[in-house]
Protein backbone atom coordinates (compact mmCIF):
# COMPACT_ATOMS: atom_id res chain seq x y z
CA ILE A 1 0.00 0.00 0.00
CA ALA A 2 1.42 3.36 -1.01
CA GLU A 3 1.00 6.46 1.17
CA THR A 4 0.80 8.81 -1.79
CA LEU A 5 -1.56 8.95 -4.74
CA ASN A 6 -1.10 11.69 -7.31
CA CYS A 7 -3.73 12.26 -9.93
CA ARG A 8 -5.45 15.10 -11.70
CA ARG A 9 -8.99 13.79 -11.18
CA ALA A 10 -10.57 10.99 -9.25
CA TYR A 11 -14.11 9.89 -9.97
CA GLN A 12 -16.23 7.74 -7.69
CA LEU A 13 -19.07 5.70 -9.17
CA SER A 14 -22.33 7.45 -8.24
CA ASP A 15 -24.89 6.35 -10.82
CA ALA A 16 -28.45 6.05 -9.46
CA ARG A 17 -28.82 2.77 -11.36
CA LYS A 18 -26.22 1.22 -9.05
CA LYS A 19 -27.87 2.44 -5.82
CA ALA A 20 -30.66 1.04 -3.68
CA MET A 21 -32.51 2.36 -0.64
CA VAL A 22 -31.42 5.97 -1.26
CA GLN A 23 -32.34 8.18 1.70
CA ASP A 24 -31.86 11.86 2.38
CA ILE A 25 -29.37 12.90 5.04
CA SER A 26 -31.07 15.52 7.15
CA GLN A 27 -29.24 18.77 7.68
CA GLU A 28 -29.56 18.16 11.41
CA ALA A 29 -27.92 14.73 11.20
CA ALA A 30 -25.15 16.07 8.98
CA ALA A 31 -24.50 18.97 11.35
CA GLU A 32 -24.31 16.56 14.28
CA VAL A 33 -21.79 14.32 12.50
CA ILE A 34 -19.67 17.27 11.38
CA SER A 35 -19.68 18.86 14.83
CA LYS A 36 -18.52 15.61 16.43
CA MET A 37 -15.81 14.65 13.95
CA TYR A 38 -12.55 15.54 15.64
CA PRO A 39 -9.85 16.70 13.19
CA VAL A 40 -6.26 15.85 14.14
CA CYS A 41 -2.75 16.18 12.80
CA TYR A 42 -0.45 13.20 13.24
CA LYS A 43 2.58 11.32 11.96
CA TRP A 44 2.33 7.92 10.33
CA GLY A 45 4.01 5.42 12.65
CA ASN A 46 6.06 3.59 10.04
CA SER A 47 7.34 6.58 8.05
CA GLY A 48 6.97 9.58 10.33
CA ARG A 49 5.22 11.40 7.48
CA GLU A 50 2.95 14.20 8.70
CA ALA A 51 -0.72 14.18 7.83
CA VAL A 52 -4.10 15.60 8.85
CA GLY A 53 -7.44 13.85 9.09
CA PHE A 54 -9.50 11.88 11.57
CA VAL A 55 -8.88 8.80 13.72
CA ALA A 56 -10.87 5.95 12.18
CA GLN A 57 -11.77 4.40 15.54
CA ASP A 58 -13.34 7.69 16.67
CA VAL A 59 -15.27 8.09 13.42
CA ARG A 60 -16.47 4.49 13.49
CA GLU A 61 -17.75 4.94 17.06
CA LEU A 62 -19.54 8.15 16.07
CA GLY A 63 -21.14 6.40 13.11
CA GLU A 64 -22.31 3.53 15.29
CA ARG A 65 -23.92 5.96 17.77
CA LEU A 66 -25.70 7.80 14.94
CA GLY A 67 -26.64 4.74 12.88
CA MET A 68 -24.39 5.65 9.93
CA ARG A 69 -21.56 3.69 8.38
CA LEU A 70 -18.73 6.23 8.43
CA ALA A 71 -15.73 3.86 8.48
CA GLY A 72 -14.71 0.61 6.85
CA GLN A 73 -12.09 -2.06 7.27
CA GLU A 74 -9.35 -3.06 4.88
CA GLY A 75 -6.60 -5.59 5.49
CA GLY A 76 -7.28 -5.70 9.22
CA PHE A 77 -7.08 -1.91 9.60
CA LEU A 78 -9.87 0.66 9.76
CA SER A 79 -10.22 3.03 6.82
CA LEU A 80 -12.20 6.19 6.16
CA PRO A 81 -14.00 7.04 2.91
CA TYR A 82 -13.03 10.73 3.02
CA GLY A 83 -14.60 11.44 -0.37
CA SER A 84 -17.97 10.18 0.84
CA TYR A 85 -18.05 12.82 3.55
CA ASP A 86 -18.71 15.47 0.89
CA ALA A 87 -22.45 14.76 1.19
CA LEU A 88 -22.29 15.49 4.92
CA TYR A 89 -20.31 18.67 4.34
CA ALA A 90 -22.80 19.80 1.68
CA ALA A 91 -25.77 19.27 4.02
CA GLY A 92 -23.94 21.12 6.79
CA ILE A 93 -23.16 24.03 4.48
CA GLN A 94 -26.79 24.14 3.33
CA ALA A 95 -27.96 24.29 6.95
CA ASN A 96 -25.50 27.09 7.69
CA GLN A 97 -26.63 28.99 4.61
CA GLN A 98 -30.24 28.78 5.79
CA ARG A 99 -29.17 30.10 9.21
CA ILE A 100 -27.33 32.97 7.55
CA GLU A 101 -30.39 33.89 5.49
CA ARG A 102 -32.60 33.83 8.61
CA LEU A 103 -30.12 36.05 10.46
CA LYS A 104 -29.99 38.46 7.53
CA GLN A 105 -33.78 38.75 7.66
CA GLU A 106 -33.66 39.39 11.41
CA VAL A 107 -31.02 42.09 10.93
CA ARG A 108 -33.10 43.73 8.20
CA GLY A 109 -36.12 43.64 10.51
CA LEU A 110 -34.13 45.25 13.31
CA GLN A 111 -32.79 47.88 10.96
CA ASN A 112 -36.33 48.67 9.80
CA GLY A 113 -37.65 48.70 13.37
CA LYS A 114 -39.92 45.69 12.80
CA LEU A 115 -38.57 43.49 15.59
């Protein structure tokens, strides 16, 4: 297993024809996952190479508590599908954008003396 992968583009299969039981991820659930994922910086034990990310054991435990599969296992070691987290980030960003819009409306109301 190599520690480095260099490429210009990486595509992940995402065709609806290959999916079953598709369910929405609520913005609330996404926000909860994102708020509880603990980012760390670390060094790989065998090479000392510096990296940033998450600890798979922590993410797996979080997923189990929330009923989501957030980690996998490969060759006896836990692994994280970092690219799959984009859907969680998108839902979290959408929730934040809605909060921003509500706050803007409140500010406008205060400025106009309506609140």
